[in-house]
C-alpha atoms as a PDB file:
ATOM      1  CA  MET A   1      77.706 -90.388 -70.464  1.00  0.00           C
ATOM      2  CA  VAL A   2      80.866 -88.340 -70.189  1.00  0.00           C
ATOM      3  CA  GLU A   3      82.972 -91.436 -69.572  1.00  0.00           C
ATOM      4  CA  CYS A   4      81.317 -93.349 -72.418  1.00  0.00           C
ATOM      5  CA  ALA A   5      81.756 -90.454 -74.875  1.00  0.00           C
ATOM      6  CA  SER A   6      85.400 -89.972 -73.915  1.00  0.00           C
ATOM      7  CA  LYS A   7      86.160 -93.661 -74.544  1.00  0.00           C
ATOM      8  CA  SER A   8      84.402 -93.744 -77.942  1.00  0.00           C
ATOM      9  CA  ASN A   9      87.197 -92.166 -80.043  1.00  0.00           C
ATOM     10  CA  GLY A  10      84.813 -89.480 -81.257  1.00  0.00           C
ATOM     11  CA  ASN A  11      82.035 -91.892 -82.232  1.00  0.00           C
ATOM     12  CA  LYS A  12      79.709 -90.685 -79.476  1.00  0.00           C
ATOM     13  CA  GLU A  13      78.840 -87.139 -78.512  1.00  0.00           C
ATOM     14  CA  ILE A  14      76.985 -85.460 -75.708  1.00  0.00           C
ATOM     15  CA  TRP A  15      74.490 -82.769 -76.584  1.00  0.00           C
ATOM     16  CA  PRO A  16      73.274 -81.303 -73.305  1.00  0.00           C
ATOM     17  CA  ILE A  17      69.810 -79.889 -72.882  1.00  0.00           C
ATOM     18  CA  PHE A  18      69.735 -77.523 -69.914  1.00  0.00           C
ATOM     19  CA  PHE A  19      66.106 -77.654 -68.820  1.00  0.00           C
ATOM     20  CA  ASN A  20      65.228 -75.141 -66.097  1.00  0.00           C
ATOM     21  CA  VAL A  21      68.790 -74.867 -64.798  1.00  0.00           C
ATOM     22  CA  GLU A  22      71.304 -72.079 -65.022  1.00  0.00           C
ATOM     23  CA  PRO A  23      74.892 -72.557 -66.217  1.00  0.00           C
ATOM     24  CA  ASP A  24      76.128 -71.712 -62.707  1.00  0.00           C
ATOM     25  CA  ASP A  25      74.013 -74.583 -61.306  1.00  0.00           C
ATOM     26  CA  VAL A  26      75.779 -77.060 -63.566  1.00  0.00           C
ATOM     27  CA  LYS A  27      79.185 -75.536 -62.788  1.00  0.00           C
ATOM     28  CA  LEU A  28      78.387 -76.197 -59.100  1.00  0.00           C
ATOM     29  CA  LYS A  29      78.582 -72.486 -58.269  1.00  0.00           C
ATOM     30  CA  THR A  30      75.118 -72.537 -56.660  1.00  0.00           C
ATOM     31  CA  ASN A  31      73.522 -74.738 -54.019  1.00  0.00           C
ATOM     32  CA  LEU A  32      71.158 -76.544 -56.411  1.00  0.00           C
ATOM     33  CA  TYR A  33      73.476 -79.486 -57.174  1.00  0.00           C
ATOM     34  CA  SER A  34      76.155 -78.786 -54.583  1.00  0.00           C
ATOM     35  CA  LYS A  35      73.833 -79.586 -51.655  1.00  0.00           C
ATOM     36  CA  ALA A  36      72.534 -82.752 -53.313  1.00  0.00           C
ATOM     37  CA  LEU A  37      76.061 -83.959 -54.037  1.00  0.00           C
ATOM     38  CA  SER A  38      77.102 -83.255 -50.452  1.00  0.00           C
ATOM     39  CA  LYS A  39      74.264 -85.437 -49.183  1.00  0.00           C
ATOM     40  CA  HIS A  40      75.438 -88.299 -51.421  1.00  0.00           C
ATOM     41  CA  GLN A  41      79.108 -87.889 -50.455  1.00  0.00           C
ATOM     42  CA  LYS A  42      78.950 -90.393 -47.560  1.00  0.00           C
ATOM     43  CA  LYS A  43      77.109 -93.115 -49.459  1.00  0.00           C
ATOM     44  CA  PHE A  44      78.784 -92.726 -52.874  1.00  0.00           C
ATOM     45  CA  CYS A  45      82.182 -91.325 -51.935  1.00  0.00           C
ATOM     46  CA  THR A  46      84.139 -92.254 -55.084  1.00  0.00           C
ATOM     47  CA  GLU A  47      81.265 -91.620 -57.506  1.00  0.00           C
ATOM     48  CA  VAL A  48      80.503 -88.099 -56.299  1.00  0.00           C
ATOM     49  CA  GLU A  49      83.870 -86.760 -57.469  1.00  0.00           C
ATOM     50  CA  SER A  50      83.334 -88.199 -60.947  1.00  0.00           C
ATOM     51  CA  TRP A  51      79.793 -86.756 -60.974  1.00  0.00           C
ATOM     52  CA  LYS A  52      81.162 -83.316 -60.133  1.00  0.00           C
ATOM     53  CA  LYS A  53      83.757 -83.571 -62.873  1.00  0.00           C
ATOM     54  CA  ALA A  54      81.112 -84.753 -65.348  1.00  0.00           C
ATOM     55  CA  LEU A  55      78.860 -81.787 -64.565  1.00  0.00           C
ATOM     56  CA  VAL A  56      81.709 -79.349 -65.127  1.00  0.00           C
ATOM     57  CA  ASP A  57      82.707 -81.138 -68.362  1.00  0.00           C
ATOM     58  CA  VAL A  58      79.136 -81.112 -69.693  1.00  0.00           C
ATOM     59  CA  ASP A  59      78.792 -77.406 -68.947  1.00  0.00           C
ATOM     60  CA  LYS A  60      81.674 -76.741 -71.375  1.00  0.00           C
ATOM     61  CA  ILE A  61      79.755 -78.421 -74.229  1.00  0.00           C
ATOM     62  CA  LYS A  62      77.531 -76.213 -76.336  1.00  0.00           C
ATOM     63  CA  GLY A  63      73.987 -77.380 -75.870  1.00  0.00           C
ATOM     64  CA  TRP A  64      70.516 -75.972 -75.583  1.00  0.00           C
ATOM     65  CA  ASN A  65      69.120 -73.957 -72.694  1.00  0.00           C
ATOM     66  CA  LEU A  66      65.349 -73.797 -72.368  1.00  0.00           C
ATOM     67  CA  LYS A  67      65.516 -70.637 -70.298  1.00  0.00           C
ATOM     68  CA  THR A  68      67.306 -68.710 -73.047  1.00  0.00           C
ATOM     69  CA  ASP A  69      65.562 -70.204 -76.091  1.00  0.00           C
ATOM     70  CA  GLU A  70      62.291 -68.749 -77.333  1.00  0.00           C
ATOM     71  CA  SER A  71      60.061 -71.679 -76.450  1.00  0.00           C
ATOM     72  CA  GLN A  72      59.986 -75.431 -75.962  1.00  0.00           C
ATOM     73  CA  ALA A  73      58.773 -75.819 -79.555  1.00  0.00           C
ATOM     74  CA  THR A  74      61.744 -73.844 -80.885  1.00  0.00           C
ATOM     75  CA  LEU A  75      64.104 -75.833 -78.700  1.00  0.00           C
ATOM     76  CA  ILE A  76      62.683 -79.175 -79.843  1.00  0.00           C
ATOM     77  CA  LYS A  77      62.834 -78.138 -83.512  1.00  0.00           C
ATOM     78  CA  SER A  78      66.475 -77.093 -83.147  1.00  0.00           C
ATOM     79  CA  ILE A  79      67.390 -80.378 -81.454  1.00  0.00           C
ATOM     80  CA  ILE A  80      65.628 -82.448 -84.112  1.00  0.00           C
ATOM     81  CA  GLU A  81      67.323 -80.545 -86.943  1.00  0.00           C
ATOM     82  CA  THR A  82      70.735 -81.033 -85.338  1.00  0.00           C
ATOM     83  CA  VAL A  83      70.188 -84.747 -84.738  1.00  0.00           C
ATOM     84  CA  LEU A  84      68.877 -85.344 -88.275  1.00  0.00           C
ATOM     85  CA  ARG A  85      71.811 -83.427 -89.755  1.00  0.00           C
ATOM     86  CA  LYS A  86      74.273 -85.423 -87.647  1.00  0.00           C
ATOM     87  CA  LEU A  87      72.616 -88.743 -88.495  1.00  0.00           C
ATOM     88  CA  ASN A  88      72.684 -87.733 -92.150  1.00  0.00           C
ATOM     89  CA  VAL A  89      68.983 -88.432 -92.515  1.00  0.00           C
ATOM     90  CA  GLY A  90      68.359 -85.302 -94.515  1.00  0.00           C
ATOM     91  CA  TYR A  91      65.110 -83.476 -94.594  1.00  0.00           C
ATOM     92  CA  LYS A  92      62.444 -85.684 -96.071  1.00  0.00           C
ATOM     93  CA  LYS A  93      59.982 -84.012 -98.388  1.00  0.00           C
ATOM     94  CA  ILE A  94      56.340 -84.542 -97.576  1.00  0.00           C
ATOM     95  CA  VAL A  95      54.602 -86.637-100.213  1.00  0.00           C
ATOM     96  CA  THR A  96      51.194 -88.251 -99.940  1.00  0.00           C
ATOM     97  CA  GLU A  97      51.311 -91.981 -99.256  1.00  0.00           C
ATOM     98  CA  ASP A  98      48.510 -92.690-101.744  1.00  0.00           C
ATOM     99  CA  LEU A  99      50.562 -92.357-104.944  1.00  0.00           C
ATOM    100  CA  VAL A 100      49.625 -94.687-107.777  1.00  0.00           C
ATOM    101  CA  GLY A 101      51.960 -95.721-110.596  1.00  0.00           C
ATOM    102  CA  VAL A 102      55.008 -93.821-109.370  1.00  0.00           C
ATOM    103  CA  ASP A 103      57.206 -96.737-108.264  1.00  0.00           C
ATOM    104  CA  ASP A 104      58.265 -97.844-111.757  1.00  0.00           C
ATOM    105  CA  ARG A 105      59.105 -94.267-112.739  1.00  0.00           C
ATOM    106  CA  VAL A 106      61.144 -93.740-109.568  1.00  0.00           C
ATOM    107  CA  GLU A 107      63.060 -96.965-110.172  1.00  0.00           C
ATOM    108  CA  ALA A 108      63.797 -96.015-113.803  1.00  0.00           C
ATOM    109  CA  ILE A 109      65.115 -92.583-112.840  1.00  0.00           C
ATOM    110  CA  ILE A 110      67.268 -93.942-110.016  1.00  0.00           C
ATOM    111  CA  LYS A 111      68.807 -96.414-112.495  1.00  0.00           C
ATOM    112  CA  LYS A 112      69.612 -93.550-114.876  1.00  0.00           C
ATOM    113  CA  LEU A 113      71.276 -91.595-112.077  1.00  0.00           C
ATOM    114  CA  ASP A 114      73.699 -94.470-111.382  1.00  0.00           C
ATOM    115  CA  VAL A 115      74.036 -93.506-107.718  1.00  0.00           C
ATOM    116  CA  GLY A 116      76.930 -95.898-107.069  1.00  0.00           C
ATOM    117  CA  SER A 117      79.247 -94.231-109.589  1.00  0.00           C
ATOM    118  CA  ASP A 118      81.731 -91.480-108.768  1.00  0.00           C
ATOM    119  CA  SER A 119      80.652 -89.320-111.699  1.00  0.00           C
ATOM    120  CA  VAL A 120      78.472 -86.228-111.529  1.00  0.00           C
ATOM    121  CA  GLN A 121      74.954 -86.758-112.819  1.00  0.00           C
ATOM    122  CA  PHE A 122      72.399 -84.190-113.996  1.00  0.00           C
ATOM    123  CA  LEU A 123      68.809 -85.060-114.722  1.00  0.00           C
ATOM    124  CA  GLY A 124      66.088 -82.770-115.960  1.00  0.00           C
ATOM    125  CA  ILE A 125      62.423 -83.572-115.483  1.00  0.00           C
ATOM    126  CA  HIS A 126      60.195 -81.492-117.719  1.00  0.00           C
ATOM    127  CA  GLY A 127      56.615 -81.427-118.886  1.00  0.00           C
ATOM    128  CA  MET A 128      53.418 -79.468-118.534  1.00  0.00           C
ATOM    129  CA  GLY A 129      52.286 -78.328-115.113  1.00  0.00           C
ATOM    130  CA  GLY A 130      50.333 -80.597-112.792  1.00  0.00           C
ATOM    131  CA  ILE A 131      51.519 -83.977-114.056  1.00  0.00           C
ATOM    132  CA  GLY A 132      53.578 -84.834-110.969  1.00  0.00           C
ATOM    133  CA  LYS A 133      57.154 -83.753-111.784  1.00  0.00           C
ATOM    134  CA  THR A 134      57.764 -82.221-108.355  1.00  0.00           C
ATOM    135  CA  THR A 135      56.088 -85.140-106.583  1.00  0.00           C
ATOM    136  CA  LEU A 136      58.280 -87.583-108.499  1.00  0.00           C
ATOM    137  CA  ALA A 137      61.386 -85.537-107.638  1.00  0.00           C
ATOM    138  CA  LYS A 138      60.421 -85.484-103.939  1.00  0.00           C
ATOM    139  CA  VAL A 139      59.991 -89.270-103.838  1.00  0.00           C
ATOM    140  CA  ILE A 140      63.404 -89.722-105.485  1.00  0.00           C
ATOM    141  CA  PHE A 141      64.989 -87.187-103.131  1.00  0.00           C
ATOM    142  CA  ASN A 142      63.552 -89.008-100.114  1.00  0.00           C
ATOM    143  CA  GLN A 143      64.996 -92.307-101.310  1.00  0.00           C
ATOM    144  CA  LEU A 144      68.452 -90.978-102.218  1.00  0.00           C
ATOM    145  CA  SER A 145      69.155 -88.212 -99.670  1.00  0.00           C
ATOM    146  CA  SER A 146      70.664 -90.614 -97.139  1.00  0.00           C
ATOM    147  CA  HIS A 147      73.429 -91.464 -99.666  1.00  0.00           C
ATOM    148  CA  PHE A 148      74.898 -87.952 -99.421  1.00  0.00           C
ATOM    149  CA  GLU A 149      76.610 -86.023 -96.650  1.00  0.00           C
ATOM    150  CA  TYR A 150      74.830 -82.801 -97.603  1.00  0.00           C
ATOM    151  CA  CYS A 151      71.735 -82.385 -99.727  1.00  0.00           C
ATOM    152  CA  HIS A 152      68.945 -79.937-100.303  1.00  0.00           C
ATOM    153  CA  PHE A 153      65.779 -79.984-102.373  1.00  0.00           C
ATOM    154  CA  LEU A 154      65.135 -76.905-104.533  1.00  0.00           C
ATOM    155  CA  SER A 155      61.738 -76.704-106.175  1.00  0.00           C
ATOM    156  CA  ASP A 156      60.451 -74.273-108.788  1.00  0.00           C
ATOM    157  CA  VAL A 157      63.922 -73.488-110.133  1.00  0.00           C
END
């Protein structure tokens, strides 16, 4: 992984997850990996040196450590948020899948927004409560959020 990431001109990254290991283990300051690498030294002489270097390099990268995070659930949530942010997926808004008659309205609004243009667009959706304004906005947000580097959905403004 370290070799592949270093050859990718910044297109690939390593995000280490330290699961039940201490930083000193990865830095080869304890016997946990040092003994195992010593056993492999005879069979994989040239590879072991690159493995040692890779472990030290990975330890320098900010990652996640299960032992210091609150829980596995917190750790997993943090990893998912980071990956989604990096992949520019955005945070999808939860909308029921059983919507009826919303597709034509979504398409009409997206046309009005002219997403491909470089201009700034503002669109207000108004009406009495309970007719689906927020639901419509969430569906549109879900479809368009991947077009933007940063986005956020504010409701009840």
